[in-house]
Structures are given as structure tokens and as C-alpha cells.
Amino acid sequence: MSNQNYKAVPAEIHRKRGSCCKSSCIHCPYGYTLKKLGLKFKDVTEKNKEESCEIEGFSFDLDLYSIDDYKFIVLKDFICGIIRKDKLFVRELFLLNEFQDQGLDKPLVESYYFY
């Protein structure tokens, strides 16, 4: 999704450094990037739903849910996961592997989506 052509440094490398560099790294394990930039959400459509194919363990259940129940999670112009939501809650959260150790969980994602 991003126009940038570089390979991001994984969270484990940042963690080994021992402290945050405050550079808004995409895989910041210290929460700096998330606090500074927040999460955004992108509609899932028939045209862009193939972007979800890299998310391990995720598949659309369009027999039970509408495509409108799904949203991409975006951090710093990168898709980092997908949610299935209803009117009040995030019901399911799926993250790309490289975003799974950054503290993104349902309550946190709900706080950005619903508030």
C-alpha cells in the first residue's frame, strides 16, 4: 500500500536497541509511532480485498458477514491487519506477522475505530 521502497526494520531489532529512537518507525515496539500517528481504517471493497491475502489465518466469510463489516487497519500508510466489526465492537482482529508484537489488540484497535 505504501509508495516507499524500503525494507522496514523488524520490531525485534528495535527492541534489542533497548529504547525508542523516536523516529516513528513502522515496527516500533515501544508504541511511539502508534501514539504519534494513530491508526486509520480503510474500507474493504471487492477491488481491494486481495490485499488481505498476506494476513495469515484470515479469510472472508461473506456467507455470514457483509464486506462492509471488514476494515483494513492502516499504520503510517501500511496495511497492518484487518478487523471484522459490528456496530459496537471489533469482533475479530487479524494482523500481518510483522505487526503482531507491537501491542495491537482488540481493545486498542476498538479505541481508535470507535472513539
Protein backbone atom coordinates (compact mmCIF):
# COMPACT_ATOMS: atom_id res chain seq x y z
CA MET A 1 0.00 0.00 0.00
CA SER A 2 2.88 2.36 0.64
CA ASN A 3 4.81 4.15 -2.07
CA GLN A 4 8.03 3.73 -0.13
CA ASN A 5 10.52 1.21 -1.48
CA TYR A 6 12.49 0.17 1.55
CA LYS A 7 12.51 -2.76 3.92
CA ALA A 8 11.32 -1.90 7.41
CA VAL A 9 13.40 -2.94 10.40
CA PRO A 10 11.56 -5.60 12.44
CA ALA A 11 10.36 -4.83 15.98
CA GLU A 12 12.82 -7.34 17.48
CA ILE A 13 15.77 -5.30 16.18
CA HIS A 14 14.29 -2.12 17.66
CA ARG A 15 13.71 -3.93 20.96
CA LYS A 16 17.36 -5.08 21.09
CA ARG A 17 18.38 -1.42 20.91
CA GLY A 18 16.75 -1.09 24.33
CA SER A 19 15.00 2.24 23.88
CA CYS A 20 12.89 4.13 21.38
CA CYS A 21 14.69 6.32 18.82
CA LYS A 22 11.52 8.42 18.33
CA SER A 23 11.81 8.21 14.54
CA SER A 24 8.25 6.91 14.03
CA CYS A 25 9.47 3.51 12.83
CA ILE A 26 6.70 1.40 11.31
CA HIS A 27 7.53 -1.55 13.60
CA CYS A 28 8.18 0.42 16.79
CA PRO A 29 7.66 -1.98 19.73
CA TYR A 30 7.60 0.94 22.18
CA GLY A 31 4.31 2.40 20.92
CA TYR A 32 5.79 5.74 19.85
CA THR A 33 4.61 5.56 16.23
CA LEU A 34 1.16 4.41 17.27
CA LYS A 35 0.80 7.19 19.83
CA LYS A 36 2.12 9.84 17.44
CA LEU A 37 0.25 8.85 14.29
CA GLY A 38 -2.61 6.62 15.46
CA LEU A 39 -4.40 4.01 13.44
CA LYS A 40 -6.51 4.67 10.38
CA PHE A 41 -9.01 2.40 8.71
CA LYS A 42 -9.65 1.70 5.06
CA ASP A 43 -12.80 0.23 3.57
CA VAL A 44 -12.53 -3.26 2.15
CA THR A 45 -14.06 -3.47 -1.30
CA GLU A 46 -14.34 -6.10 -3.96
CA LYS A 47 -11.50 -4.34 -5.80
CA ASN A 48 -9.00 -4.24 -2.91
CA LYS A 49 -9.91 -7.31 -0.84
CA GLU A 50 -6.99 -9.29 -2.33
CA GLU A 51 -4.69 -7.09 -0.20
CA SER A 52 -5.76 -9.28 2.73
CA CYS A 53 -4.20 -12.44 1.26
CA GLU A 54 -0.92 -11.93 3.15
CA ILE A 55 -2.66 -11.97 6.54
CA GLU A 56 -2.09 -15.43 7.98
CA GLY A 57 -5.21 -17.17 9.25
CA PHE A 58 -7.62 -14.70 7.68
CA SER A 59 -10.32 -15.35 5.12
CA PHE A 60 -13.53 -13.51 4.38
CA ASP A 61 -16.74 -15.18 5.48
CA LEU A 62 -19.09 -13.41 3.10
CA ASP A 63 -21.79 -16.03 3.64
CA LEU A 64 -22.27 -14.76 7.20
CA TYR A 65 -20.98 -11.18 7.05
CA SER A 66 -21.10 -8.28 4.65
CA ILE A 67 -17.91 -6.92 3.11
CA ASP A 68 -18.84 -3.68 4.92
CA ASP A 69 -18.18 -5.48 8.24
CA TYR A 70 -14.46 -5.63 7.38
CA LYS A 71 -11.91 -2.80 7.54
CA PHE A 72 -8.20 -2.70 6.84
CA ILE A 73 -6.07 -1.36 9.71
CA VAL A 74 -3.54 1.19 8.48
CA LEU A 75 -0.49 2.47 10.34
CA LYS A 76 1.74 5.03 8.64
CA ASP A 77 0.25 4.23 5.19
CA PHE A 78 0.90 0.48 5.61
CA ILE A 79 -1.86 -2.09 5.90
CA CYS A 80 -1.04 -3.95 9.08
CA GLY A 81 -4.18 -6.02 9.50
CA ILE A 82 -7.90 -6.37 9.12
CA ILE A 83 -10.84 -6.31 11.50
CA ARG A 84 -14.35 -7.66 11.40
CA LYS A 85 -16.51 -5.28 13.35
CA ASP A 86 -20.13 -4.70 14.22
CA LYS A 87 -21.78 -1.51 15.44
CA LEU A 88 -20.08 -1.56 18.85
CA PHE A 89 -17.09 -3.89 18.89
CA VAL A 90 -14.20 -5.34 16.96
CA ARG A 91 -15.24 -8.98 16.73
CA GLU A 92 -12.10 -10.34 15.06
CA LEU A 93 -8.61 -8.96 14.59
CA PHE A 94 -6.03 -10.35 12.19
CA LEU A 95 -2.56 -8.83 11.89
CA LEU A 96 0.27 -9.32 9.45
CA ASN A 97 3.03 -11.32 11.15
CA GLU A 98 5.40 -8.35 11.37
CA PHE A 99 2.84 -6.32 13.35
CA GLN A 100 1.91 -8.97 15.91
CA ASP A 101 4.39 -7.91 18.59
CA GLN A 102 3.55 -4.21 18.64
CA GLY A 103 0.79 -4.27 21.22
CA LEU A 104 -2.08 -4.10 18.75
CA ASP A 105 -5.02 -5.91 20.31
CA LYS A 106 -8.82 -5.71 20.05
CA PRO A 107 -9.35 -3.14 22.84
CA LEU A 108 -6.68 -0.84 21.44
CA VAL A 109 -7.96 -1.11 17.87
CA GLU A 110 -11.53 -0.54 19.11
CA SER A 111 -10.40 2.61 20.87
CA TYR A 112 -9.13 4.03 17.58
CA TYR A 113 -12.03 2.79 15.48
CA PHE A 114 -14.99 3.69 17.69
CA TYR A 115 -13.77 6.75 19.60
